[in-house]
Amino acid sequence: IRLQAEAIAEGEHSAALARRLLEDSHRLELQIDQTLELARVEGGGRLSEQAIPLQTWAARALEGILAAYGQRAAVELKIDAGLPAVQADAAALQMVLRNLIDNSVRHSRRDPVQVQLTAEQRGAQVVVSYRDNGIGIAAGNRRLGRLFARGASSGGAGVGVYLVRRLMQRMGGAISFSSSPGEGFGCELWFRISS
């Protein structure tokens, strides 16, 4: 980031350089947010759970998340307004969605990556299904969600998906992963319905 900023300061005005500077600063910001959230979650910090209507919340949250990726990511949102509200912490839920999209942008090998987000009620829970059009994961799903577990070609730290799993557990929900080579990355997020 510093080298890119110095080049711009010295008069090298390249749109590609500026775009890369924005991407790198966004990545750094996400890593800092993940580190702070990880410390809060592992340290037993309290969550502020409330009733969250998924359709309106997701549409608003995606605006901010997708703005950081420009044309590199697109999300198709299919959540019925009639779904009951879920019991969740808004900041934790934002981190979950942000980490999943960041994971897809960084590892899907698609430009742009396309994500489909759907939701349905199953008994006393609302299940949000997430699926991208990426290359999938060859290593299988057993290691997904473990701290510092990452693929051989991953440039990540192995914290993002772990944090997603831990936040879902802390909110009284669950996550299940599904991914295979050529079929993209997917998961189901299970939330309690707000009473």
C-alpha atoms as a PDB file:
ATOM      1  CA  ILE A   1       0.000   0.000   0.000  1.00  0.00           C
ATOM      2  CA  ARG A   2       2.822   2.357   0.912  1.00  0.00           C
ATOM      3  CA  LEU A   3       4.699   1.747  -2.360  1.00  0.00           C
ATOM      4  CA  GLN A   4       1.547   2.325  -4.381  1.00  0.00           C
ATOM      5  CA  ALA A   5       0.787   5.543  -2.491  1.00  0.00           C
ATOM      6  CA  GLU A   6       4.380   6.766  -3.027  1.00  0.00           C
ATOM      7  CA  ALA A   7       4.131   6.091  -6.769  1.00  0.00           C
ATOM      8  CA  ILE A   8       0.908   8.110  -6.959  1.00  0.00           C
ATOM      9  CA  ALA A   9       2.468  10.906  -4.862  1.00  0.00           C
ATOM     10  CA  GLU A  10       5.428  11.057  -7.261  1.00  0.00           C
ATOM     11  CA  GLY A  11       3.081  11.710 -10.140  1.00  0.00           C
ATOM     12  CA  GLU A  12       2.427   8.248 -11.544  1.00  0.00           C
ATOM     13  CA  HIS A  13      -1.310   8.574 -12.095  1.00  0.00           C
ATOM     14  CA  SER A  14      -2.438   5.165 -13.216  1.00  0.00           C
ATOM     15  CA  ALA A  15      -6.013   4.020 -12.828  1.00  0.00           C
ATOM     16  CA  ALA A  16      -4.774   0.441 -12.358  1.00  0.00           C
ATOM     17  CA  LEU A  17      -2.403   1.562  -9.602  1.00  0.00           C
ATOM     18  CA  ALA A  18      -5.148   3.488  -7.812  1.00  0.00           C
ATOM     19  CA  ARG A  19      -7.549   0.528  -8.136  1.00  0.00           C
ATOM     20  CA  ARG A  20      -4.926  -1.814  -6.681  1.00  0.00           C
ATOM     21  CA  LEU A  21      -4.294   0.632  -3.825  1.00  0.00           C
ATOM     22  CA  LEU A  22      -8.021   0.629  -3.008  1.00  0.00           C
ATOM     23  CA  GLU A  23      -8.182  -3.175  -3.130  1.00  0.00           C
ATOM     24  CA  ASP A  24      -5.139  -3.574  -0.891  1.00  0.00           C
ATOM     25  CA  SER A  25      -6.425  -1.037   1.643  1.00  0.00           C
ATOM     26  CA  HIS A  26      -9.815  -2.819   1.667  1.00  0.00           C
ATOM     27  CA  ARG A  27      -8.052  -6.162   2.268  1.00  0.00           C
ATOM     28  CA  LEU A  28      -6.064  -4.646   5.152  1.00  0.00           C
ATOM     29  CA  GLU A  29      -9.221  -3.154   6.641  1.00  0.00           C
ATOM     30  CA  LEU A  30     -10.952  -6.545   6.458  1.00  0.00           C
ATOM     31  CA  GLN A  31      -7.987  -8.284   8.120  1.00  0.00           C
ATOM     32  CA  ILE A  32      -8.012  -5.764  10.968  1.00  0.00           C
ATOM     33  CA  ASP A  33     -11.781  -6.168  11.388  1.00  0.00           C
ATOM     34  CA  GLN A  34     -11.388  -9.956  11.400  1.00  0.00           C
ATOM     35  CA  THR A  35      -8.633  -9.806  14.004  1.00  0.00           C
ATOM     36  CA  LEU A  36     -10.684  -7.563  16.292  1.00  0.00           C
ATOM     37  CA  GLU A  37     -13.813  -9.681  15.851  1.00  0.00           C
ATOM     38  CA  LEU A  38     -11.829 -12.874  16.464  1.00  0.00           C
ATOM     39  CA  ALA A  39     -10.451 -11.414  19.708  1.00  0.00           C
ATOM     40  CA  ARG A  40     -13.970 -10.431  20.777  1.00  0.00           C
ATOM     41  CA  VAL A  41     -15.477 -13.819  19.942  1.00  0.00           C
ATOM     42  CA  GLU A  42     -12.686 -15.909  21.457  1.00  0.00           C
ATOM     43  CA  GLY A  43     -12.542 -13.635  24.507  1.00  0.00           C
ATOM     44  CA  GLY A  44     -16.206 -14.235  25.275  1.00  0.00           C
ATOM     45  CA  GLY A  45     -17.403 -10.764  24.246  1.00  0.00           C
ATOM     46  CA  ARG A  46     -21.151 -10.270  24.302  1.00  0.00           C
ATOM     47  CA  LEU A  47     -23.275 -10.166  21.203  1.00  0.00           C
ATOM     48  CA  SER A  48     -26.158  -7.741  20.907  1.00  0.00           C
ATOM     49  CA  GLU A  49     -28.839  -9.954  19.421  1.00  0.00           C
ATOM     50  CA  GLN A  50     -32.046  -8.532  18.027  1.00  0.00           C
ATOM     51  CA  ALA A  51     -34.799  -9.367  15.543  1.00  0.00           C
ATOM     52  CA  ILE A  52     -33.456  -8.771  12.028  1.00  0.00           C
ATOM     53  CA  PRO A  53     -35.705  -8.846   8.935  1.00  0.00           C
ATOM     54  CA  LEU A  54     -33.353 -10.513   6.444  1.00  0.00           C
ATOM     55  CA  GLN A  55     -34.658  -9.076   3.171  1.00  0.00           C
ATOM     56  CA  THR A  56     -34.312  -5.393   4.057  1.00  0.00           C
ATOM     57  CA  TRP A  57     -31.168  -5.936   6.126  1.00  0.00           C
ATOM     58  CA  ALA A  58     -29.372  -7.941   3.393  1.00  0.00           C
ATOM     59  CA  ALA A  59     -30.232  -5.447   0.639  1.00  0.00           C
ATOM     60  CA  ARG A  60     -28.836  -2.568   2.715  1.00  0.00           C
ATOM     61  CA  ALA A  61     -25.745  -4.480   3.909  1.00  0.00           C
ATOM     62  CA  LEU A  62     -24.873  -5.645   0.392  1.00  0.00           C
ATOM     63  CA  GLU A  63     -24.736  -2.073  -0.906  1.00  0.00           C
ATOM     64  CA  GLY A  64     -21.831  -1.267   1.396  1.00  0.00           C
ATOM     65  CA  ILE A  65     -20.075  -4.611   1.023  1.00  0.00           C
ATOM     66  CA  LEU A  66     -20.256  -4.707  -2.780  1.00  0.00           C
ATOM     67  CA  ALA A  67     -19.100  -1.077  -3.135  1.00  0.00           C
ATOM     68  CA  ALA A  68     -15.644  -2.213  -2.017  1.00  0.00           C
ATOM     69  CA  TYR A  69     -15.387  -4.707  -4.894  1.00  0.00           C
ATOM     70  CA  GLY A  70     -16.671  -2.594  -7.779  1.00  0.00           C
ATOM     71  CA  GLN A  71     -17.388  -4.768 -10.800  1.00  0.00           C
ATOM     72  CA  ARG A  72     -15.592  -7.815  -9.346  1.00  0.00           C
ATOM     73  CA  ALA A  73     -18.661  -9.161  -7.512  1.00  0.00           C
ATOM     74  CA  ALA A  74     -22.396  -9.380  -8.112  1.00  0.00           C
ATOM     75  CA  VAL A  75     -25.028 -10.813  -5.777  1.00  0.00           C
ATOM     76  CA  GLU A  76     -28.456 -12.081  -6.761  1.00  0.00           C
ATOM     77  CA  LEU A  77     -30.650 -11.701  -3.693  1.00  0.00           C
ATOM     78  CA  LYS A  78     -33.755 -13.903  -3.460  1.00  0.00           C
ATOM     79  CA  ILE A  79     -35.208 -13.421   0.009  1.00  0.00           C
ATOM     80  CA  ASP A  80     -38.970 -13.260   0.480  1.00  0.00           C
ATOM     81  CA  ALA A  81     -40.212 -10.262   2.472  1.00  0.00           C
ATOM     82  CA  GLY A  82     -42.664 -12.559   4.264  1.00  0.00           C
ATOM     83  CA  LEU A  83     -39.927 -14.543   5.992  1.00  0.00           C
ATOM     84  CA  PRO A  84     -39.902 -14.191   9.781  1.00  0.00           C
ATOM     85  CA  ALA A  85     -37.136 -12.073  11.336  1.00  0.00           C
ATOM     86  CA  VAL A  86     -34.063 -13.925  12.592  1.00  0.00           C
ATOM     87  CA  GLN A  87     -32.404 -13.577  15.987  1.00  0.00           C
ATOM     88  CA  ALA A  88     -28.882 -12.272  15.329  1.00  0.00           C
ATOM     89  CA  ASP A  89     -26.273  -9.644  16.107  1.00  0.00           C
ATOM     90  CA  ALA A  90     -26.278  -7.093  13.249  1.00  0.00           C
ATOM     91  CA  ALA A  91     -22.491  -6.490  13.357  1.00  0.00           C
ATOM     92  CA  ALA A  92     -21.770 -10.230  13.477  1.00  0.00           C
ATOM     93  CA  LEU A  93     -24.193 -10.868  10.630  1.00  0.00           C
ATOM     94  CA  GLN A  94     -22.481  -8.166   8.553  1.00  0.00           C
ATOM     95  CA  MET A  95     -19.082  -9.794   9.257  1.00  0.00           C
ATOM     96  CA  VAL A  96     -20.461 -13.193   8.194  1.00  0.00           C
ATOM     97  CA  LEU A  97     -21.742 -11.859   4.876  1.00  0.00           C
ATOM     98  CA  ARG A  98     -18.638  -9.747   4.248  1.00  0.00           C
ATOM     99  CA  ASN A  99     -16.277 -12.670   4.927  1.00  0.00           C
ATOM    100  CA  LEU A 100     -18.206 -15.024   2.641  1.00  0.00           C
ATOM    101  CA  ILE A 101     -18.203 -12.529  -0.232  1.00  0.00           C
ATOM    102  CA  ASP A 102     -14.535 -11.698   0.317  1.00  0.00           C
ATOM    103  CA  ASN A 103     -13.738 -15.417   0.269  1.00  0.00           C
ATOM    104  CA  SER A 104     -15.584 -15.780  -3.043  1.00  0.00           C
ATOM    105  CA  VAL A 105     -13.876 -12.749  -4.615  1.00  0.00           C
ATOM    106  CA  ARG A 106     -10.419 -13.911  -3.554  1.00  0.00           C
ATOM    107  CA  HIS A 107     -10.675 -17.638  -4.263  1.00  0.00           C
ATOM    108  CA  SER A 108     -13.313 -18.227  -6.943  1.00  0.00           C
ATOM    109  CA  ARG A 109     -11.008 -17.410  -9.872  1.00  0.00           C
ATOM    110  CA  ARG A 110     -13.958 -15.709 -11.553  1.00  0.00           C
ATOM    111  CA  ASP A 111     -14.139 -12.081 -12.590  1.00  0.00           C
ATOM    112  CA  PRO A 112     -16.754 -11.120 -11.777  1.00  0.00           C
ATOM    113  CA  VAL A 113     -17.747 -13.646  -9.180  1.00  0.00           C
ATOM    114  CA  GLN A 114     -21.499 -14.188  -9.038  1.00  0.00           C
ATOM    115  CA  VAL A 115     -23.158 -15.089  -5.773  1.00  0.00           C
ATOM    116  CA  GLN A 116     -26.709 -16.280  -5.228  1.00  0.00           C
ATOM    117  CA  LEU A 117     -28.243 -15.661  -1.805  1.00  0.00           C
ATOM    118  CA  THR A 118     -31.597 -17.279  -1.009  1.00  0.00           C
ATOM    119  CA  ALA A 119     -33.516 -17.928   2.192  1.00  0.00           C
ATOM    120  CA  GLU A 120     -36.385 -20.109   3.346  1.00  0.00           C
ATOM    121  CA  GLN A 121     -38.061 -21.106   6.562  1.00  0.00           C
ATOM    122  CA  ARG A 122     -37.482 -24.671   7.747  1.00  0.00           C
ATOM    123  CA  GLY A 123     -39.440 -25.359  10.894  1.00  0.00           C
ATOM    124  CA  ALA A 124     -38.322 -22.999  13.664  1.00  0.00           C
ATOM    125  CA  GLN A 125     -35.315 -21.795  11.688  1.00  0.00           C
ATOM    126  CA  VAL A 126     -34.524 -19.654   8.662  1.00  0.00           C
ATOM    127  CA  VAL A 127     -31.884 -21.106   6.363  1.00  0.00           C
ATOM    128  CA  VAL A 128     -29.860 -18.769   4.158  1.00  0.00           C
ATOM    129  CA  SER A 129     -28.191 -20.522   1.218  1.00  0.00           C
ATOM    130  CA  TYR A 130     -25.036 -18.991  -0.248  1.00  0.00           C
ATOM    131  CA  ARG A 131     -23.524 -20.200  -3.539  1.00  0.00           C
ATOM    132  CA  ASP A 132     -20.878 -18.701  -5.837  1.00  0.00           C
ATOM    133  CA  ASN A 133     -19.879 -19.600  -9.395  1.00  0.00           C
ATOM    134  CA  GLY A 134     -16.237 -20.266  -8.497  1.00  0.00           C
ATOM    135  CA  ILE A 135     -13.967 -23.221  -9.056  1.00  0.00           C
ATOM    136  CA  GLY A 136     -14.882 -24.896  -5.767  1.00  0.00           C
ATOM    137  CA  ILE A 137     -12.548 -26.505  -3.266  1.00  0.00           C
ATOM    138  CA  ALA A 138     -10.690 -29.671  -4.121  1.00  0.00           C
ATOM    139  CA  ALA A 139      -9.579 -30.459  -0.556  1.00  0.00           C
ATOM    140  CA  GLY A 140     -13.094 -31.235   0.631  1.00  0.00           C
ATOM    141  CA  ASN A 141     -15.254 -29.610   3.248  1.00  0.00           C
ATOM    142  CA  ARG A 142     -13.900 -31.148   6.470  1.00  0.00           C
ATOM    143  CA  ARG A 143     -11.217 -28.494   6.998  1.00  0.00           C
ATOM    144  CA  LEU A 144     -13.462 -25.535   6.142  1.00  0.00           C
ATOM    145  CA  GLY A 145     -14.103 -23.355   9.155  1.00  0.00           C
ATOM    146  CA  ARG A 146     -11.055 -24.412  11.162  1.00  0.00           C
ATOM    147  CA  LEU A 147      -8.750 -21.670  12.418  1.00  0.00           C
ATOM    148  CA  PHE A 148      -5.768 -21.088  10.088  1.00  0.00           C
ATOM    149  CA  ALA A 149      -6.937 -23.867   7.748  1.00  0.00           C
ATOM    150  CA  ARG A 150      -6.436 -22.780   4.141  1.00  0.00           C
ATOM    151  CA  GLY A 151      -5.824 -24.246   0.749  1.00  0.00           C
ATOM    152  CA  ALA A 152      -2.363 -24.574  -0.756  1.00  0.00           C
ATOM    153  CA  SER A 153      -2.980 -21.744  -3.233  1.00  0.00           C
ATOM    154  CA  SER A 154      -4.771 -19.491  -0.742  1.00  0.00           C
ATOM    155  CA  GLY A 155      -3.376 -16.054  -0.021  1.00  0.00           C
ATOM    156  CA  GLY A 156      -5.543 -15.718   3.082  1.00  0.00           C
ATOM    157  CA  ALA A 157      -4.710 -16.244   6.725  1.00  0.00           C
ATOM    158  CA  GLY A 158      -7.316 -18.943   7.347  1.00  0.00           C
ATOM    159  CA  VAL A 159      -9.401 -16.746   9.653  1.00  0.00           C
ATOM    160  CA  GLY A 160     -12.398 -15.582   7.571  1.00  0.00           C
ATOM    161  CA  VAL A 161     -14.408 -18.803   7.260  1.00  0.00           C
ATOM    162  CA  TYR A 162     -13.457 -19.825  10.812  1.00  0.00           C
ATOM    163  CA  LEU A 163     -14.861 -16.535  12.045  1.00  0.00           C
ATOM    164  CA  VAL A 164     -18.073 -17.138  10.064  1.00  0.00           C
ATOM    165  CA  ARG A 165     -18.486 -20.536  11.763  1.00  0.00           C
ATOM    166  CA  ARG A 166     -17.780 -19.159  15.257  1.00  0.00           C
ATOM    167  CA  LEU A 167     -20.130 -16.187  14.830  1.00  0.00           C
ATOM    168  CA  MET A 168     -22.932 -18.476  13.680  1.00  0.00           C
ATOM    169  CA  GLN A 169     -22.378 -20.682  16.737  1.00  0.00           C
ATOM    170  CA  ARG A 170     -22.345 -17.672  19.071  1.00  0.00           C
ATOM    171  CA  MET A 171     -25.681 -16.502  17.634  1.00  0.00           C
ATOM    172  CA  GLY A 172     -27.210 -19.921  18.359  1.00  0.00           C
ATOM    173  CA  GLY A 173     -27.132 -20.925  14.700  1.00  0.00           C
ATOM    174  CA  ALA A 174     -25.028 -23.229  12.578  1.00  0.00           C
ATOM    175  CA  ILE A 175     -23.301 -23.430   9.214  1.00  0.00           C
ATOM    176  CA  SER A 176     -22.776 -26.311   6.808  1.00  0.00           C
ATOM    177  CA  PHE A 177     -20.415 -26.128   3.834  1.00  0.00           C
ATOM    178  CA  SER A 178     -20.760 -27.624   0.382  1.00  0.00           C
ATOM    179  CA  SER A 179     -18.069 -27.334  -2.231  1.00  0.00           C
ATOM    180  CA  SER A 180     -16.546 -29.512  -4.871  1.00  0.00           C
ATOM    181  CA  PRO A 181     -14.264 -28.807  -7.846  1.00  0.00           C
ATOM    182  CA  GLY A 182     -16.059 -26.996 -10.647  1.00  0.00           C
ATOM    183  CA  GLU A 183     -19.263 -26.445  -8.677  1.00  0.00           C
ATOM    184  CA  GLY A 184     -18.406 -23.340  -6.686  1.00  0.00           C
ATOM    185  CA  PHE A 185     -18.374 -22.679  -2.984  1.00  0.00           C
ATOM    186  CA  GLY A 186     -21.578 -22.896  -1.008  1.00  0.00           C
ATOM    187  CA  CYS A 187     -22.900 -22.965   2.502  1.00  0.00           C
ATOM    188  CA  GLU A 188     -26.121 -22.909   4.478  1.00  0.00           C
ATOM    189  CA  LEU A 189     -26.493 -20.555   7.423  1.00  0.00           C
ATOM    190  CA  TRP A 190     -29.062 -21.685   9.996  1.00  0.00           C
ATOM    191  CA  PHE A 191     -30.657 -18.936  12.122  1.00  0.00           C
ATOM    192  CA  ARG A 192     -33.136 -19.023  14.969  1.00  0.00           C
ATOM    193  CA  ILE A 193     -36.425 -17.299  14.275  1.00  0.00           C
ATOM    194  CA  SER A 194     -36.930 -14.271  16.491  1.00  0.00           C
ATOM    195  CA  SER A 195     -39.786 -14.699  18.954  1.00  0.00           C
END
